[in-house]
Amino acid sequence: MPVTRSTGLLALVGIALAALLTVIGHLEVNDDLNPWALTISDFAVSDRGGVIDIAMVVLALATVALLYGLRRASPPRPRSGRTVELLLGAWVGGLLLAAVVPTNEPGTAMTTAAYLHRYASVIAFLALPVAGWLLARRPDLTPAARTLRALVLLSLALAAAMIWSAYPGDRMLIGLAERLLILAEVAVLVTVATSLTRPAHADHGVVVPHKRGVAA
């Protein structure tokens, strides 16, 4: 199986596992927590080191596999390729930092760790849509370009809704806005990973034609 296809499949498996773990984490936490009013981080801190934290690490590793597959696929323009790698690296780093450094307990004062967690999450949420927009320009992702751009625009709209909720909106439905934002951004990853699994992304090697001998 070509490397790009196998890494695409590995990324899809990792994303699916992260989604499953997140659902399990929501089912295991205290029933008093409201998913529409509280963020996923609020759920994670109530079960520190639990499956939601593991889900973030798994999603980060799935993105690393996806990044490797993108490198092995038909190369984009050098400058945009480096930018995409930096942005996906920021997404991965933000996820890992958010998994390691918890936010504050709901209803308590923000701590230094909570601010670090928040801004790591913000960087991740903003980096991935920009990476998705740049990926839509790659010739080898042309069939998925329209879908990627639509998901990026949806992600940015949901990010704006979440920012409004976090500040002037007094956290109204912030949990719902965040979960929809995460779904849209994970859909960007799924779209790219699915594109890598297509036969067109088989590794390109040098094919030496067999020369038939000429009869004397």
C-alpha atoms as a PDB file:
ATOM      1  CA  MET A   1       0.000   0.000   0.000  1.00  0.00           C
ATOM      2  CA  PRO A   2       1.463   3.424  -0.896  1.00  0.00           C
ATOM      3  CA  VAL A   3       2.735   5.448   2.044  1.00  0.00           C
ATOM      4  CA  THR A   4       0.430   8.400   1.399  1.00  0.00           C
ATOM      5  CA  ARG A   5      -2.633   6.164   1.331  1.00  0.00           C
ATOM      6  CA  SER A   6      -1.636   4.309   4.495  1.00  0.00           C
ATOM      7  CA  THR A   7      -0.963   7.547   6.382  1.00  0.00           C
ATOM      8  CA  GLY A   8      -4.321   8.896   5.231  1.00  0.00           C
ATOM      9  CA  LEU A   9      -6.039   5.782   6.555  1.00  0.00           C
ATOM     10  CA  LEU A  10      -4.036   5.984   9.791  1.00  0.00           C
ATOM     11  CA  ALA A  11      -5.127   9.594  10.240  1.00  0.00           C
ATOM     12  CA  LEU A  12      -8.777   8.644   9.672  1.00  0.00           C
ATOM     13  CA  VAL A  13      -8.547   5.850  12.248  1.00  0.00           C
ATOM     14  CA  GLY A  14      -6.956   8.240  14.741  1.00  0.00           C
ATOM     15  CA  ILE A  15      -9.639  10.876  14.178  1.00  0.00           C
ATOM     16  CA  ALA A  16     -12.399   8.280  14.611  1.00  0.00           C
ATOM     17  CA  LEU A  17     -10.791   7.011  17.825  1.00  0.00           C
ATOM     18  CA  ALA A  18     -10.457  10.557  19.175  1.00  0.00           C
ATOM     19  CA  ALA A  19     -14.142  11.200  18.437  1.00  0.00           C
ATOM     20  CA  LEU A  20     -15.155   7.966  20.190  1.00  0.00           C
ATOM     21  CA  LEU A  21     -13.056   8.787  23.244  1.00  0.00           C
ATOM     22  CA  THR A  22     -14.567  12.271  23.424  1.00  0.00           C
ATOM     23  CA  VAL A  23     -18.092  10.853  23.410  1.00  0.00           C
ATOM     24  CA  ILE A  24     -17.137   8.350  26.118  1.00  0.00           C
ATOM     25  CA  GLY A  25     -15.618  11.172  28.150  1.00  0.00           C
ATOM     26  CA  HIS A  26     -18.845  13.136  27.986  1.00  0.00           C
ATOM     27  CA  LEU A  27     -20.839  10.121  29.143  1.00  0.00           C
ATOM     28  CA  GLU A  28     -18.522   9.406  32.062  1.00  0.00           C
ATOM     29  CA  VAL A  29     -18.414  12.870  33.649  1.00  0.00           C
ATOM     30  CA  ASN A  30     -20.744  14.334  36.239  1.00  0.00           C
ATOM     31  CA  ASP A  31     -24.326  14.528  34.974  1.00  0.00           C
ATOM     32  CA  ASP A  32     -24.630  18.051  36.424  1.00  0.00           C
ATOM     33  CA  LEU A  33     -22.347  19.445  33.700  1.00  0.00           C
ATOM     34  CA  ASN A  34     -24.219  21.112  30.837  1.00  0.00           C
ATOM     35  CA  PRO A  35     -22.557  20.474  27.437  1.00  0.00           C
ATOM     36  CA  TRP A  36     -24.268  23.527  25.911  1.00  0.00           C
ATOM     37  CA  ALA A  37     -22.991  25.913  28.576  1.00  0.00           C
ATOM     38  CA  LEU A  38     -19.579  24.363  29.305  1.00  0.00           C
ATOM     39  CA  THR A  39     -16.649  23.709  26.995  1.00  0.00           C
ATOM     40  CA  ILE A  40     -14.979  20.374  26.374  1.00  0.00           C
ATOM     41  CA  SER A  41     -12.068  21.619  28.482  1.00  0.00           C
ATOM     42  CA  ASP A  42     -14.501  22.112  31.383  1.00  0.00           C
ATOM     43  CA  PHE A  43     -15.516  18.474  31.013  1.00  0.00           C
ATOM     44  CA  ALA A  44     -11.881  17.365  30.750  1.00  0.00           C
ATOM     45  CA  VAL A  45     -10.774  19.151  33.938  1.00  0.00           C
ATOM     46  CA  SER A  46     -13.514  17.384  35.888  1.00  0.00           C
ATOM     47  CA  ASP A  47     -11.907  14.084  34.866  1.00  0.00           C
ATOM     48  CA  ARG A  48      -8.239  15.110  34.838  1.00  0.00           C
ATOM     49  CA  GLY A  49      -6.124  12.670  32.855  1.00  0.00           C
ATOM     50  CA  GLY A  50      -9.230  10.925  31.575  1.00  0.00           C
ATOM     51  CA  VAL A  51     -10.332   9.907  28.116  1.00  0.00           C
ATOM     52  CA  ILE A  52     -10.963  13.455  26.832  1.00  0.00           C
ATOM     53  CA  ASP A  53      -7.338  14.372  27.476  1.00  0.00           C
ATOM     54  CA  ILE A  54      -6.310  11.151  25.739  1.00  0.00           C
ATOM     55  CA  ALA A  55      -8.606  12.034  22.832  1.00  0.00           C
ATOM     56  CA  MET A  56      -6.759  15.332  22.303  1.00  0.00           C
ATOM     57  CA  VAL A  57      -3.415  13.521  22.206  1.00  0.00           C
ATOM     58  CA  VAL A  58      -4.778  10.949  19.746  1.00  0.00           C
ATOM     59  CA  LEU A  59      -6.120  13.718  17.494  1.00  0.00           C
ATOM     60  CA  ALA A  60      -2.724  15.438  17.580  1.00  0.00           C
ATOM     61  CA  LEU A  61      -0.971  12.194  16.586  1.00  0.00           C
ATOM     62  CA  ALA A  62      -3.489  11.648  13.781  1.00  0.00           C
ATOM     63  CA  THR A  63      -2.586  15.099  12.465  1.00  0.00           C
ATOM     64  CA  VAL A  64       1.112  14.202  12.574  1.00  0.00           C
ATOM     65  CA  ALA A  65       0.359  11.159  10.396  1.00  0.00           C
ATOM     66  CA  LEU A  66      -1.612  13.392   8.048  1.00  0.00           C
ATOM     67  CA  LEU A  67       1.261  15.864   7.843  1.00  0.00           C
ATOM     68  CA  TYR A  68       3.656  13.061   6.945  1.00  0.00           C
ATOM     69  CA  GLY A  69       1.299  11.902   4.219  1.00  0.00           C
ATOM     70  CA  LEU A  70       1.071  15.417   2.800  1.00  0.00           C
ATOM     71  CA  ARG A  71       4.855  15.561   2.597  1.00  0.00           C
ATOM     72  CA  ARG A  72       4.943  12.307   0.664  1.00  0.00           C
ATOM     73  CA  ALA A  73       2.174  13.348  -1.729  1.00  0.00           C
ATOM     74  CA  SER A  74       2.737  15.580  -4.735  1.00  0.00           C
ATOM     75  CA  PRO A  75       4.629  18.552  -3.270  1.00  0.00           C
ATOM     76  CA  PRO A  76       2.964  21.987  -3.207  1.00  0.00           C
ATOM     77  CA  ARG A  77       4.723  25.274  -3.785  1.00  0.00           C
ATOM     78  CA  PRO A  78       7.672  25.374  -1.330  1.00  0.00           C
ATOM     79  CA  ARG A  79       6.624  28.536   0.523  1.00  0.00           C
ATOM     80  CA  SER A  80       2.987  27.539   1.043  1.00  0.00           C
ATOM     81  CA  GLY A  81       4.100  24.020   1.949  1.00  0.00           C
ATOM     82  CA  ARG A  82       6.279  25.303   4.789  1.00  0.00           C
ATOM     83  CA  THR A  83       3.494  27.577   5.988  1.00  0.00           C
ATOM     84  CA  VAL A  84       1.013  24.694   6.076  1.00  0.00           C
ATOM     85  CA  GLU A  85       3.481  22.610   8.067  1.00  0.00           C
ATOM     86  CA  LEU A  86       3.947  25.421  10.595  1.00  0.00           C
ATOM     87  CA  LEU A  87       0.189  25.899  10.935  1.00  0.00           C
ATOM     88  CA  LEU A  88      -0.495  22.186  11.367  1.00  0.00           C
ATOM     89  CA  GLY A  89       2.385  22.116  13.850  1.00  0.00           C
ATOM     90  CA  ALA A  90       0.689  24.918  15.793  1.00  0.00           C
ATOM     91  CA  TRP A  91      -2.558  22.912  15.794  1.00  0.00           C
ATOM     92  CA  VAL A  92      -0.718  19.822  17.080  1.00  0.00           C
ATOM     93  CA  GLY A  93       1.191  21.811  19.688  1.00  0.00           C
ATOM     94  CA  GLY A  94      -1.966  23.566  20.849  1.00  0.00           C
ATOM     95  CA  LEU A  95      -3.791  20.251  21.276  1.00  0.00           C
ATOM     96  CA  LEU A  96      -0.936  18.678  23.222  1.00  0.00           C
ATOM     97  CA  LEU A  97      -0.493  21.711  25.461  1.00  0.00           C
ATOM     98  CA  ALA A  98      -4.238  21.877  26.126  1.00  0.00           C
ATOM     99  CA  ALA A  99      -4.186  18.187  27.042  1.00  0.00           C
ATOM    100  CA  VAL A 100      -1.253  18.569  29.443  1.00  0.00           C
ATOM    101  CA  VAL A 101      -2.153  21.939  31.012  1.00  0.00           C
ATOM    102  CA  PRO A 102      -5.718  21.972  32.399  1.00  0.00           C
ATOM    103  CA  THR A 103      -8.112  24.870  32.487  1.00  0.00           C
ATOM    104  CA  ASN A 104      -9.702  26.037  35.725  1.00  0.00           C
ATOM    105  CA  GLU A 105     -12.656  24.282  37.338  1.00  0.00           C
ATOM    106  CA  PRO A 106     -15.999  25.782  36.213  1.00  0.00           C
ATOM    107  CA  GLY A 107     -16.968  28.727  38.415  1.00  0.00           C
ATOM    108  CA  THR A 108     -13.456  29.292  39.808  1.00  0.00           C
ATOM    109  CA  ALA A 109     -10.964  32.083  39.101  1.00  0.00           C
ATOM    110  CA  MET A 110      -8.671  31.796  36.085  1.00  0.00           C
ATOM    111  CA  THR A 111      -5.139  30.633  36.924  1.00  0.00           C
ATOM    112  CA  THR A 112      -1.920  31.003  34.935  1.00  0.00           C
ATOM    113  CA  ALA A 113      -2.324  27.414  33.747  1.00  0.00           C
ATOM    114  CA  ALA A 114      -5.896  28.137  32.673  1.00  0.00           C
ATOM    115  CA  TYR A 115      -4.792  31.142  30.603  1.00  0.00           C
ATOM    116  CA  LEU A 116      -2.049  29.035  28.996  1.00  0.00           C
ATOM    117  CA  HIS A 117      -4.633  26.365  28.187  1.00  0.00           C
ATOM    118  CA  ARG A 118      -7.013  28.951  26.734  1.00  0.00           C
ATOM    119  CA  TYR A 119      -4.499  30.620  24.447  1.00  0.00           C
ATOM    120  CA  ALA A 120      -3.060  27.288  23.306  1.00  0.00           C
ATOM    121  CA  SER A 121      -6.599  26.325  22.284  1.00  0.00           C
ATOM    122  CA  VAL A 122      -7.151  29.653  20.515  1.00  0.00           C
ATOM    123  CA  ILE A 123      -3.948  29.234  18.511  1.00  0.00           C
ATOM    124  CA  ALA A 124      -4.961  25.709  17.527  1.00  0.00           C
ATOM    125  CA  PHE A 125      -8.485  26.729  16.534  1.00  0.00           C
ATOM    126  CA  LEU A 126      -7.199  29.555  14.329  1.00  0.00           C
ATOM    127  CA  ALA A 127      -4.214  27.728  12.819  1.00  0.00           C
ATOM    128  CA  LEU A 128      -6.150  24.793  11.381  1.00  0.00           C
ATOM    129  CA  PRO A 129      -8.629  26.805   9.232  1.00  0.00           C
ATOM    130  CA  VAL A 130      -5.782  28.827   7.716  1.00  0.00           C
ATOM    131  CA  ALA A 131      -3.919  25.601   6.956  1.00  0.00           C
ATOM    132  CA  GLY A 132      -7.073  24.201   5.373  1.00  0.00           C
ATOM    133  CA  TRP A 133      -7.448  27.258   3.132  1.00  0.00           C
ATOM    134  CA  LEU A 134      -3.852  26.926   1.941  1.00  0.00           C
ATOM    135  CA  LEU A 135      -4.245  23.191   1.389  1.00  0.00           C
ATOM    136  CA  ALA A 136      -7.198  23.906  -0.893  1.00  0.00           C
ATOM    137  CA  ARG A 137      -4.711  25.530  -3.293  1.00  0.00           C
ATOM    138  CA  ARG A 138      -2.690  22.350  -3.743  1.00  0.00           C
ATOM    139  CA  PRO A 139      -3.120  20.819  -7.198  1.00  0.00           C
ATOM    140  CA  ASP A 140      -3.354  17.311  -5.750  1.00  0.00           C
ATOM    141  CA  LEU A 141      -6.238  18.382  -3.472  1.00  0.00           C
ATOM    142  CA  THR A 142      -8.203  20.148  -6.211  1.00  0.00           C
ATOM    143  CA  PRO A 143     -11.164  17.687  -6.037  1.00  0.00           C
ATOM    144  CA  ALA A 144     -11.614  18.569  -2.351  1.00  0.00           C
ATOM    145  CA  ALA A 145     -10.850  22.297  -2.672  1.00  0.00           C
ATOM    146  CA  ARG A 146     -14.469  23.497  -2.631  1.00  0.00           C
ATOM    147  CA  THR A 147     -15.290  21.364   0.411  1.00  0.00           C
ATOM    148  CA  LEU A 148     -12.192  22.556   2.248  1.00  0.00           C
ATOM    149  CA  ARG A 149     -12.980  26.223   1.614  1.00  0.00           C
ATOM    150  CA  ALA A 150     -16.581  25.776   2.745  1.00  0.00           C
ATOM    151  CA  LEU A 151     -15.449  24.081   5.971  1.00  0.00           C
ATOM    152  CA  VAL A 152     -12.857  26.787   6.591  1.00  0.00           C
ATOM    153  CA  LEU A 153     -15.444  29.551   6.234  1.00  0.00           C
ATOM    154  CA  LEU A 154     -17.804  27.645   8.530  1.00  0.00           C
ATOM    155  CA  SER A 155     -15.002  27.215  11.067  1.00  0.00           C
ATOM    156  CA  LEU A 156     -14.197  30.927  11.064  1.00  0.00           C
ATOM    157  CA  ALA A 157     -17.874  31.817  11.496  1.00  0.00           C
ATOM    158  CA  LEU A 158     -18.171  29.421  14.441  1.00  0.00           C
ATOM    159  CA  ALA A 159     -14.923  30.758  15.925  1.00  0.00           C
ATOM    160  CA  ALA A 160     -16.394  34.268  15.769  1.00  0.00           C
ATOM    161  CA  ALA A 161     -19.557  32.985  17.477  1.00  0.00           C
ATOM    162  CA  MET A 162     -17.478  31.395  20.221  1.00  0.00           C
ATOM    163  CA  ILE A 163     -15.456  34.586  20.760  1.00  0.00           C
ATOM    164  CA  TRP A 164     -18.686  36.582  21.007  1.00  0.00           C
ATOM    165  CA  SER A 165     -20.059  34.093  23.525  1.00  0.00           C
ATOM    166  CA  ALA A 166     -16.867  34.131  25.606  1.00  0.00           C
ATOM    167  CA  TYR A 167     -16.843  37.921  26.005  1.00  0.00           C
ATOM    168  CA  PRO A 168     -19.919  40.111  25.294  1.00  0.00           C
ATOM    169  CA  GLY A 169     -22.270  37.116  25.180  1.00  0.00           C
ATOM    170  CA  ASP A 170     -21.631  36.131  28.826  1.00  0.00           C
ATOM    171  CA  ARG A 171     -20.733  32.544  27.697  1.00  0.00           C
ATOM    172  CA  MET A 172     -24.196  31.945  26.273  1.00  0.00           C
ATOM    173  CA  LEU A 173     -24.198  28.539  24.512  1.00  0.00           C
ATOM    174  CA  ILE A 174     -20.397  28.585  24.452  1.00  0.00           C
ATOM    175  CA  GLY A 175     -20.310  24.807  24.742  1.00  0.00           C
ATOM    176  CA  LEU A 176     -22.507  24.381  21.689  1.00  0.00           C
ATOM    177  CA  ALA A 177     -20.448  26.890  19.675  1.00  0.00           C
ATOM    178  CA  GLU A 178     -17.199  25.168  20.615  1.00  0.00           C
ATOM    179  CA  ARG A 179     -18.431  21.686  19.761  1.00  0.00           C
ATOM    180  CA  LEU A 180     -19.718  22.827  16.373  1.00  0.00           C
ATOM    181  CA  LEU A 181     -16.377  24.550  15.758  1.00  0.00           C
ATOM    182  CA  ILE A 182     -14.460  21.382  16.604  1.00  0.00           C
ATOM    183  CA  LEU A 183     -16.702  19.319  14.325  1.00  0.00           C
ATOM    184  CA  ALA A 184     -16.052  21.724  11.445  1.00  0.00           C
ATOM    185  CA  GLU A 185     -12.293  21.732  12.000  1.00  0.00           C
ATOM    186  CA  VAL A 186     -12.067  17.966  12.372  1.00  0.00           C
ATOM    187  CA  ALA A 187     -14.038  17.749   9.115  1.00  0.00           C
ATOM    188  CA  VAL A 188     -11.179  19.673   7.478  1.00  0.00           C
ATOM    189  CA  LEU A 189      -8.764  16.982   8.646  1.00  0.00           C
ATOM    190  CA  VAL A 190     -11.099  14.207   7.497  1.00  0.00           C
ATOM    191  CA  THR A 191     -11.428  15.785   4.046  1.00  0.00           C
ATOM    192  CA  VAL A 192      -7.655  16.005   3.596  1.00  0.00           C
ATOM    193  CA  ALA A 193      -7.062  12.502   4.967  1.00  0.00           C
ATOM    194  CA  THR A 194      -9.742  11.062   2.682  1.00  0.00           C
ATOM    195  CA  SER A 195      -8.094  12.754  -0.301  1.00  0.00           C
ATOM    196  CA  LEU A 196      -4.791  11.071   0.561  1.00  0.00           C
ATOM    197  CA  THR A 197      -6.405   7.641   0.455  1.00  0.00           C
ATOM    198  CA  ARG A 198      -7.402   8.030  -3.182  1.00  0.00           C
ATOM    199  CA  PRO A 199      -5.342   6.176  -5.818  1.00  0.00           C
ATOM    200  CA  ALA A 200      -4.159   9.465  -7.341  1.00  0.00           C
ATOM    201  CA  HIS A 201      -1.971   9.942  -4.263  1.00  0.00           C
ATOM    202  CA  ALA A 202       0.071   6.789  -4.826  1.00  0.00           C
ATOM    203  CA  ASP A 203       3.781   7.409  -4.302  1.00  0.00           C
ATOM    204  CA  HIS A 204       5.465   8.368  -7.494  1.00  0.00           C
ATOM    205  CA  GLY A 205       8.465   6.240  -8.421  1.00  0.00           C
ATOM    206  CA  VAL A 206      10.655   6.014 -11.471  1.00  0.00           C
ATOM    207  CA  VAL A 207       9.389   3.369 -13.822  1.00  0.00           C
ATOM    208  CA  VAL A 208      11.984   1.845 -16.114  1.00  0.00           C
ATOM    209  CA  PRO A 209      10.324   0.342 -19.180  1.00  0.00           C
ATOM    210  CA  HIS A 210      11.300  -3.158 -20.120  1.00  0.00           C
ATOM    211  CA  LYS A 211      13.115  -3.233 -23.404  1.00  0.00           C
ATOM    212  CA  ARG A 212      12.425  -6.192 -25.610  1.00  0.00           C
ATOM    213  CA  GLY A 213      15.295  -7.702 -27.445  1.00  0.00           C
ATOM    214  CA  VAL A 214      15.404  -7.313 -31.209  1.00  0.00           C
ATOM    215  CA  ALA A 215      15.653 -10.553 -33.127  1.00  0.00           C
ATOM    216  CA  ALA A 216      18.702 -10.781 -35.412  1.00  0.00           C
END
